[in-house]
Amino acid sequence: MITLLFILVFLLCQTFILLCCVAAGNDAASQEISDQEQIEFINEWKKTHTS
């Protein structure tokens, strides 16, 4: 019985973490910002390393 309760609590915690991760970055606006930051980083890296 205690094992079943432990498994249930564990699965509920895992589900909560998964939902938080999905909610944190699953929209078009945040993805566009992330893409723009990556483009800027790559451009700066190219300027620094290809002289």
N, C-alpha and C. Protein backbone atom coordinates (compact mmCIF):
# COMPACT_ATOMS: atom_id res chain seq x y z
N MET A 1 0.82 -1.20 0.00
CA MET A 1 0.00 0.00 0.00
C MET A 1 0.86 1.26 0.00
N ILE A 2 1.90 1.27 0.83
CA ILE A 2 2.79 2.43 0.88
C ILE A 2 3.54 2.58 -0.44
N THR A 3 3.90 1.46 -1.06
CA THR A 3 4.59 1.51 -2.34
C THR A 3 3.70 2.13 -3.40
N LEU A 4 2.44 1.77 -3.43
CA LEU A 4 1.50 2.33 -4.38
C LEU A 4 1.33 3.83 -4.16
N LEU A 5 1.26 4.24 -2.92
CA LEU A 5 1.15 5.66 -2.60
C LEU A 5 2.40 6.41 -3.05
N PHE A 6 3.56 5.83 -2.82
CA PHE A 6 4.81 6.45 -3.24
C PHE A 6 4.86 6.62 -4.76
N ILE A 7 4.46 5.58 -5.48
CA ILE A 7 4.45 5.65 -6.95
C ILE A 7 3.48 6.72 -7.43
N LEU A 8 2.31 6.80 -6.81
CA LEU A 8 1.32 7.81 -7.18
C LEU A 8 1.85 9.22 -6.95
N VAL A 9 2.46 9.46 -5.83
CA VAL A 9 3.02 10.79 -5.52
C VAL A 9 4.15 11.11 -6.50
N PHE A 10 4.98 10.13 -6.80
CA PHE A 10 6.07 10.33 -7.74
C PHE A 10 5.54 10.71 -9.12
N LEU A 11 4.54 10.00 -9.59
CA LEU A 11 3.97 10.29 -10.91
C LEU A 11 3.29 11.66 -10.94
N LEU A 12 2.65 12.03 -9.85
CA LEU A 12 2.04 13.36 -9.79
C LEU A 12 3.09 14.46 -9.84
N CYS A 13 4.20 14.26 -9.16
CA CYS A 13 5.30 15.24 -9.20
C CYS A 13 5.88 15.33 -10.61
N GLN A 14 6.06 14.21 -11.26
CA GLN A 14 6.59 14.21 -12.62
C GLN A 14 5.64 14.93 -13.57
N THR A 15 4.37 14.71 -13.43
CA THR A 15 3.38 15.37 -14.27
C THR A 15 3.40 16.88 -14.05
N PHE A 16 3.50 17.29 -12.80
CA PHE A 16 3.57 18.72 -12.49
C PHE A 16 4.80 19.37 -13.13
N ILE A 17 5.94 18.72 -13.02
CA ILE A 17 7.18 19.25 -13.61
C ILE A 17 7.04 19.35 -15.12
N LEU A 18 6.49 18.32 -15.75
CA LEU A 18 6.31 18.34 -17.19
C LEU A 18 5.40 19.48 -17.63
N LEU A 19 4.31 19.67 -16.91
CA LEU A 19 3.39 20.75 -17.27
C LEU A 19 4.04 22.13 -17.09
N CYS A 20 4.86 22.28 -16.07
CA CYS A 20 5.56 23.55 -15.87
C CYS A 20 6.54 23.82 -17.01
N CYS A 21 7.24 22.79 -17.44
CA CYS A 21 8.18 22.95 -18.54
C CYS A 21 7.47 23.31 -19.84
N VAL A 22 6.36 22.68 -20.08
CA VAL A 22 5.60 22.97 -21.29
C VAL A 22 5.05 24.39 -21.24
N ALA A 23 4.56 24.81 -20.11
CA ALA A 23 3.98 26.14 -19.98
C ALA A 23 5.04 27.24 -20.07
N ALA A 24 6.27 26.93 -19.73
CA ALA A 24 7.31 27.95 -19.67
C ALA A 24 7.77 28.42 -21.04
N GLY A 25 7.69 27.59 -22.05
CA GLY A 25 8.23 28.03 -23.32
C GLY A 25 7.50 27.49 -24.52
N ASN A 26 6.20 27.39 -24.43
CA ASN A 26 5.46 26.77 -25.51
C ASN A 26 4.55 27.78 -26.22
N ASP A 27 5.07 28.97 -26.48
CA ASP A 27 4.27 29.93 -27.24
C ASP A 27 5.14 30.56 -28.31
N ALA A 28 4.50 31.09 -29.32
CA ALA A 28 5.22 31.60 -30.49
C ALA A 28 6.11 32.80 -30.15
N ALA A 29 5.66 33.66 -29.26
CA ALA A 29 6.43 34.87 -28.93
C ALA A 29 7.75 34.52 -28.26
N SER A 30 7.73 33.62 -27.29
CA SER A 30 8.97 33.26 -26.61
C SER A 30 9.91 32.51 -27.55
N GLN A 31 9.35 31.72 -28.46
CA GLN A 31 10.18 31.01 -29.43
C GLN A 31 10.85 32.00 -30.39
N GLU A 32 10.12 33.02 -30.81
CA GLU A 32 10.69 34.02 -31.72
C GLU A 32 11.82 34.80 -31.03
N ILE A 33 11.63 35.14 -29.77
CA ILE A 33 12.67 35.84 -29.02
C ILE A 33 13.91 34.96 -28.89
N SER A 34 13.70 33.69 -28.59
CA SER A 34 14.81 32.75 -28.46
C SER A 34 15.56 32.62 -29.78
N ASP A 35 14.83 32.52 -30.88
CA ASP A 35 15.47 32.42 -32.19
C ASP A 35 16.30 33.65 -32.50
N GLN A 36 15.76 34.83 -32.18
CA GLN A 36 16.48 36.07 -32.44
C GLN A 36 17.76 36.15 -31.59
N GLU A 37 17.69 35.74 -30.35
CA GLU A 37 18.87 35.74 -29.49
C GLU A 37 19.93 34.78 -30.02
N GLN A 38 19.51 33.65 -30.53
CA GLN A 38 20.47 32.69 -31.09
C GLN A 38 21.13 33.26 -32.35
N ILE A 39 20.38 33.94 -33.19
CA ILE A 39 20.94 34.55 -34.41
C ILE A 39 21.97 35.61 -34.03
N GLU A 40 21.64 36.43 -33.04
CA GLU A 40 22.58 37.46 -32.59
C GLU A 40 23.85 36.84 -32.03
N PHE A 41 23.70 35.79 -31.24
CA PHE A 41 24.87 35.12 -30.66
C PHE A 41 25.76 34.54 -31.76
N ILE A 42 25.16 33.89 -32.74
CA ILE A 42 25.94 33.29 -33.83
C ILE A 42 26.65 34.36 -34.63
N ASN A 43 26.00 35.48 -34.88
CA ASN A 43 26.65 36.57 -35.62
C ASN A 43 27.83 37.14 -34.84
N GLU A 44 27.68 37.32 -33.54
CA GLU A 44 28.79 37.82 -32.72
C GLU A 44 29.92 36.80 -32.67
N TRP A 45 29.59 35.53 -32.59
CA TRP A 45 30.61 34.48 -32.55
C TRP A 45 31.39 34.46 -33.86
N LYS A 46 30.69 34.62 -34.98
CA LYS A 46 31.36 34.64 -36.28
C LYS A 46 32.31 35.83 -36.38
N LYS A 47 31.88 36.99 -35.89
CA LYS A 47 32.74 38.18 -35.93
C LYS A 47 34.02 37.95 -35.10
N THR A 48 33.87 37.28 -33.97
CA THR A 48 35.01 37.06 -33.08
C THR A 48 35.95 36.00 -33.61
N HIS A 49 35.44 34.94 -34.22
CA HIS A 49 36.26 33.80 -34.57
C HIS A 49 36.64 33.71 -36.04
N THR A 50 36.17 34.61 -36.85
CA THR A 50 36.54 34.56 -38.27
C THR A 50 37.14 35.90 -38.70
N SER A 51 38.24 36.21 -38.09
CA SER A 51 38.90 37.47 -38.42
C SER A 51 40.02 37.24 -39.42
